[in-house]
Protein backbone atom coordinates (compact mmCIF):
# COMPACT_ATOMS: atom_id res chain seq x y z
CA UNK A 1 7.02 20.64 4.13
CA UNK A 2 6.20 17.05 5.41
CA UNK A 3 2.69 15.73 5.78
CA UNK A 4 1.55 15.56 9.36
CA UNK A 5 1.52 11.71 9.05
CA UNK A 6 5.19 11.57 7.95
CA UNK A 7 7.70 10.60 10.57
CA UNK A 8 10.86 10.58 8.56
CA UNK A 9 12.58 10.04 5.24
CA UNK A 10 14.66 7.26 3.66
CA UNK A 11 18.26 8.39 3.37
CA UNK A 12 20.01 5.26 2.06
CA UNK A 13 18.93 1.86 0.62
CA UNK A 14 21.15 -0.97 -0.29
CA UNK A 15 19.67 -4.17 -1.77
CA UNK A 16 15.99 -5.06 -1.53
CA UNK A 17 14.00 -3.30 1.12
CA UNK A 18 10.18 -3.27 1.32
CA UNK A 19 7.67 -1.10 3.12
CA UNK A 20 4.32 -2.31 4.22
CA UNK A 21 1.62 0.21 4.82
CA UNK A 22 -2.06 -0.51 5.26
CA UNK A 23 -1.72 -3.94 4.02
CA UNK A 24 0.12 -2.89 0.75
CA UNK A 25 3.77 -3.75 0.18
CA UNK A 26 6.12 -2.00 -2.15
CA UNK A 27 9.87 -1.70 -2.64
CA UNK A 28 11.26 1.36 -0.86
CA UNK A 29 13.68 3.92 -2.27
CA UNK A 30 15.72 6.79 -1.18
CA UNK A 31 13.47 9.87 -0.62
CA UNK A 32 10.38 7.86 0.42
CA UNK A 33 8.52 8.89 3.50
CA UNK A 34 8.02 6.61 6.45
CA UNK A 35 5.05 6.90 8.74
CA UNK A 36 3.68 5.50 12.01
CA UNK A 37 2.68 1.76 11.79
CA UNK A 38 4.94 1.21 8.76
CA UNK A 39 6.77 -2.12 8.57
CA UNK A 40 10.21 -1.89 7.05
CA UNK A 41 11.88 -5.20 5.93
CA UNK A 42 15.38 -5.67 4.70
CA UNK A 43 15.87 -8.76 2.58
CA UNK A 44 19.13 -10.57 2.22
CA UNK A 45 22.24 -8.65 2.79
CA UNK A 46 20.62 -5.27 2.23
CA UNK A 47 20.34 -2.26 4.58
CA UNK A 48 18.40 0.93 5.04
CA UNK A 49 19.03 4.30 6.76
CA UNK A 50 16.17 6.41 7.91
CA UNK A 51 16.20 10.03 9.21
CA UNK A 52 13.29 10.88 11.49
CA UNK A 53 12.00 14.45 11.71
CA UNK A 54 13.54 15.06 15.11
CA UNK A 55 16.98 13.97 13.80
CA UNK A 56 16.80 10.46 15.13
CA UNK A 57 18.70 8.03 12.85
CA UNK A 58 17.57 4.44 12.40
CA UNK A 59 19.70 1.88 10.45
CA UNK A 60 18.58 -1.71 9.75
CA UNK A 61 21.01 -4.37 8.70
CA UNK A 62 20.54 -7.52 6.70
CA UNK A 63 17.46 -9.76 7.14
CA UNK A 64 15.83 -7.23 9.58
CA UNK A 65 12.25 -6.24 10.16
CA UNK A 66 11.11 -3.04 12.10
CA UNK A 67 7.88 -1.47 12.73
CA UNK A 68 7.55 2.28 13.52
CA UNK A 69 4.94 2.21 16.25
CA UNK A 70 4.65 5.67 17.39
CA UNK A 71 6.29 8.98 16.32
CA UNK A 72 4.92 12.23 17.62
CA UNK A 73 7.10 15.37 17.43
CA UNK A 74 6.43 19.05 17.96
CA UNK A 75 9.33 20.91 16.39
CA UNK A 76 8.49 24.16 18.34
CA UNK A 77 8.67 22.66 21.74
CA UNK A 78 10.85 19.73 20.71
CA UNK A 79 8.65 17.36 22.70
CA UNK A 80 7.47 14.06 21.48
CA UNK A 81 7.52 10.31 21.77
CA UNK A 82 9.12 7.54 19.70
CA UNK A 83 8.32 3.82 19.89
CA UNK A 84 9.87 1.38 17.49
CA UNK A 85 9.77 -2.46 17.41
CA UNK A 86 12.64 -4.60 16.08
CA UNK A 87 11.13 -7.91 15.21
CA UNK A 88 14.30 -9.49 13.90
CA UNK A 89 17.75 -8.51 12.76
CA UNK A 90 19.81 -5.50 13.73
CA UNK A 91 18.79 -1.99 14.54
CA UNK A 92 21.18 0.88 15.08
CA UNK A 93 19.61 3.78 16.88
CA UNK A 94 20.95 7.31 17.29
CA UNK A 95 18.57 9.45 19.36
CA UNK A 96 17.60 12.76 18.07
CA UNK A 97 16.01 15.91 19.66
CA UNK A 98 13.23 13.94 21.47
CA UNK A 99 15.73 11.66 23.13
CA UNK A 100 18.02 14.45 24.17
CA UNK A 101 15.28 16.41 25.65
CA UNK A 102 13.40 13.52 27.33
CA UNK A 103 15.15 10.12 27.27
CA UNK A 104 12.11 8.46 28.88
CA UNK A 105 10.12 9.28 25.61
CA UNK A 106 12.04 6.74 23.62
CA UNK A 107 11.15 3.01 23.70
CA UNK A 108 12.35 0.12 21.60
CA UNK A 109 10.45 -3.16 21.76
CA UNK A 110 11.79 -6.54 20.88
CA UNK A 111 9.86 -9.89 20.83
CA UNK A 112 10.82 -10.60 24.39
CA UNK A 113 11.42 -7.28 26.10
CA UNK A 114 10.84 -3.43 26.10
CA UNK A 115 13.79 -1.05 26.51
CA UNK A 116 13.59 2.46 27.86
CA UNK A 117 16.53 4.39 26.29
CA UNK A 118 18.81 6.45 28.38
CA UNK A 119 21.75 6.78 26.08
CA UNK A 120 22.18 8.51 22.68
CA UNK A 121 23.31 5.58 20.53
CA UNK A 122 22.90 1.91 20.66
CA UNK A 123 22.49 -1.33 18.67
CA UNK A 124 19.88 -4.04 19.12
CA UNK A 125 20.28 -7.53 17.68
CA UNK A 126 17.28 -9.86 17.61
CA UNK A 127 18.13 -13.28 16.29
CA UNK A 128 15.50 -15.11 14.33
């Protein structure tokens, strides 16, 4: 069973990907947990795939940085909220149970805008 603070798990890693949590940075690997406030950075031509606990799928492409701002999910009621920030690079987002039940509970922030999500799959590209 996942710790209450865990939001998801790393499913795929290609190349060098780092995770910054509480001012500590380390290389991330398959099976590592991700949590609220984690900063994930893909270096060079790497990539990462993350499965959140509500079945949301997040994929980051080369030279990308993302922060998991908020992830709250109740598996009994399937209610929750997800807020992620893509600071640079490419994010592919496939909504999970939270987004299917309440699309307004999903937000993706970029350096210049905030998106409320109404669909189930999209890609965001933030140039440097």
